[in-house]
Amino acid sequence: MDRDIWLLIIGIALSGFLSWLFTHIYYRRSLDQQEKSSTQQIQVLRDLLIAQAANAAAERDRVNAELLRQGRIEESIAEYRRAGTPVRTIDTYADLTNGQKADLLDTVLLRVKGRPAKSNKYRAG
């Protein structure tokens, strides 16, 4: 009987240890899967936020460019009314290409005279 009690105690201890070991292994695997999944989800969210920020920056740049264009049109109209030609003001816009300057001149004259320039010096060169 003494031997049966020891076998019972060893069986209980061994089954307890094996139960703990399997639970521990399962728990570790579960934590690893959760970490991998959360890392992937965080990366997806980060990518979306970066894309959204880039889109917002591009939209802001587009709006700022249009506001600058409208401001330049208004300045050129004021120069046309003051001096009879917006060319001197348009010449100061060094960041514009000749094609953009030509379009600006046509836009200003369309607004002031109702027609584009007959001869556009920026299209000639």
Protein backbone atom coordinates (compact mmCIF):
# COMPACT_ATOMS: atom_id res chain seq x y z
CA MET A 1 0.00 0.00 0.00
CA ASP A 2 2.84 2.32 0.71
CA ARG A 3 4.05 1.76 -2.84
CA ASP A 4 0.56 2.57 -4.24
CA ILE A 5 0.48 5.87 -2.39
CA TRP A 6 3.89 6.82 -3.77
CA LEU A 7 2.78 5.90 -7.29
CA LEU A 8 -0.39 7.94 -6.78
CA ILE A 9 1.64 10.93 -5.58
CA ILE A 10 4.11 10.55 -8.47
CA GLY A 11 1.19 10.18 -10.94
CA ILE A 12 -0.51 13.30 -9.58
CA ALA A 13 2.76 15.27 -9.66
CA LEU A 14 3.62 14.04 -13.15
CA SER A 15 0.15 14.77 -14.51
CA GLY A 16 0.23 18.19 -12.84
CA PHE A 17 3.63 18.92 -14.38
CA LEU A 18 2.55 17.72 -17.84
CA SER A 19 -0.66 19.69 -17.59
CA TRP A 20 1.32 22.81 -16.65
CA LEU A 21 3.84 22.18 -19.47
CA PHE A 22 1.16 21.79 -22.17
CA THR A 23 -0.72 24.81 -20.86
CA HIS A 24 2.50 26.84 -20.80
CA ILE A 25 3.39 25.85 -24.38
CA TYR A 26 -0.14 26.66 -25.60
CA TYR A 27 -0.10 29.97 -23.71
CA ARG A 28 3.28 30.94 -25.25
CA ARG A 29 2.07 30.06 -28.74
CA SER A 30 -1.08 32.07 -28.19
CA LEU A 31 0.92 35.11 -27.02
CA ASP A 32 3.23 34.83 -30.04
CA GLN A 33 0.24 34.68 -32.41
CA GLN A 34 -1.36 37.68 -30.69
CA GLU A 35 1.87 39.65 -30.94
CA LYS A 36 2.29 38.81 -34.63
CA SER A 37 -1.32 39.71 -35.37
CA SER A 38 -1.18 42.99 -33.46
CA THR A 39 2.11 43.91 -35.14
CA GLN A 40 0.54 43.33 -38.56
CA GLN A 41 -2.53 45.37 -37.66
CA ILE A 42 -0.41 48.21 -36.32
CA GLN A 43 1.66 48.20 -39.52
CA VAL A 44 -1.50 48.36 -41.65
CA LEU A 45 -2.79 51.28 -39.57
CA ARG A 46 0.58 53.02 -39.78
CA ASP A 47 0.62 52.62 -43.56
CA LEU A 48 -2.91 53.99 -43.81
CA LEU A 49 -2.02 56.99 -41.67
CA ILE A 50 1.08 57.68 -43.73
CA ALA A 51 -0.94 57.45 -46.95
CA GLN A 52 -3.64 59.69 -45.51
CA ALA A 53 -1.05 62.24 -44.40
CA ALA A 54 0.54 62.18 -47.86
CA ASN A 55 -2.85 62.68 -49.49
CA ALA A 56 -3.65 65.51 -47.10
CA ALA A 57 -0.30 67.14 -47.85
CA ALA A 58 -0.85 66.78 -51.60
CA GLU A 59 -4.35 68.25 -51.29
CA ARG A 60 -3.02 71.11 -49.17
CA ASP A 61 -0.29 71.78 -51.75
CA ARG A 62 -2.86 71.75 -54.55
CA VAL A 63 -5.09 74.20 -52.68
CA ASN A 64 -2.12 76.46 -51.87
CA ALA A 65 -1.02 76.42 -55.52
CA GLU A 66 -4.53 77.38 -56.64
CA LEU A 67 -4.71 80.16 -54.05
CA LEU A 68 -1.32 81.45 -55.23
CA ARG A 69 -2.53 81.32 -58.85
CA GLN A 70 -5.69 83.25 -57.98
CA GLY A 71 -3.64 85.82 -56.05
CA ARG A 72 -1.34 86.26 -59.04
CA ILE A 73 -4.35 86.72 -61.33
CA GLU A 74 -5.71 89.43 -59.03
CA GLU A 75 -2.32 91.16 -58.85
CA SER A 76 -2.03 91.05 -62.64
CA ILE A 77 -5.55 92.45 -63.07
CA ALA A 78 -4.67 95.29 -60.72
CA GLU A 79 -1.48 95.94 -62.69
CA TYR A 80 -3.46 95.90 -65.97
CA ARG A 81 -5.89 98.47 -64.58
CA ARG A 82 -3.04 100.60 -63.28
CA ALA A 83 -0.57 100.37 -66.19
CA GLY A 84 -2.60 98.98 -69.10
CA THR A 85 -0.63 95.72 -69.21
CA PRO A 86 0.01 92.96 -66.70
CA VAL A 87 3.32 91.92 -68.32
CA ARG A 88 5.59 93.64 -65.77
CA THR A 89 3.87 91.83 -62.91
CA ILE A 90 3.88 88.51 -64.73
CA ASP A 91 7.62 88.93 -65.45
CA THR A 92 8.29 88.99 -61.70
CA TYR A 93 7.04 85.40 -61.29
CA ALA A 94 10.37 83.65 -61.80
CA ASP A 95 9.01 80.27 -60.71
CA LEU A 96 6.62 80.08 -63.68
CA THR A 97 7.55 78.63 -67.05
CA ASN A 98 6.84 80.60 -70.20
CA GLY A 99 3.83 78.38 -70.87
CA GLN A 100 2.42 79.11 -67.42
CA LYS A 101 3.09 82.83 -67.89
CA ALA A 102 1.30 82.70 -71.25
CA ASP A 103 -1.71 81.00 -69.65
CA LEU A 104 -1.69 83.59 -66.86
CA LEU A 105 -1.63 86.46 -69.37
CA ASP A 106 -4.50 84.91 -71.32
CA THR A 107 -6.51 84.38 -68.13
CA VAL A 108 -5.98 87.98 -67.00
CA LEU A 109 -6.95 89.40 -70.37
CA LEU A 110 -9.99 87.11 -70.55
CA ARG A 111 -11.18 88.49 -67.23
CA VAL A 112 -10.44 92.11 -68.08
CA LYS A 113 -11.16 92.32 -71.81
CA GLY A 114 -13.19 89.18 -72.39
CA ARG A 115 -10.67 87.71 -74.84
CA PRO A 116 -7.15 86.28 -74.71
CA ALA A 117 -4.15 88.25 -75.94
CA LYS A 118 -3.83 88.64 -79.71
CA SER A 119 -0.08 88.23 -79.41
CA ASN A 120 1.26 86.60 -76.31
CA LYS A 121 4.95 87.35 -75.82
CA TYR A 122 5.41 84.27 -73.66
CA ARG A 123 4.18 81.92 -76.39
CA ALA A 124 6.49 83.45 -78.99
CA GLY A 125 9.69 82.33 -77.27
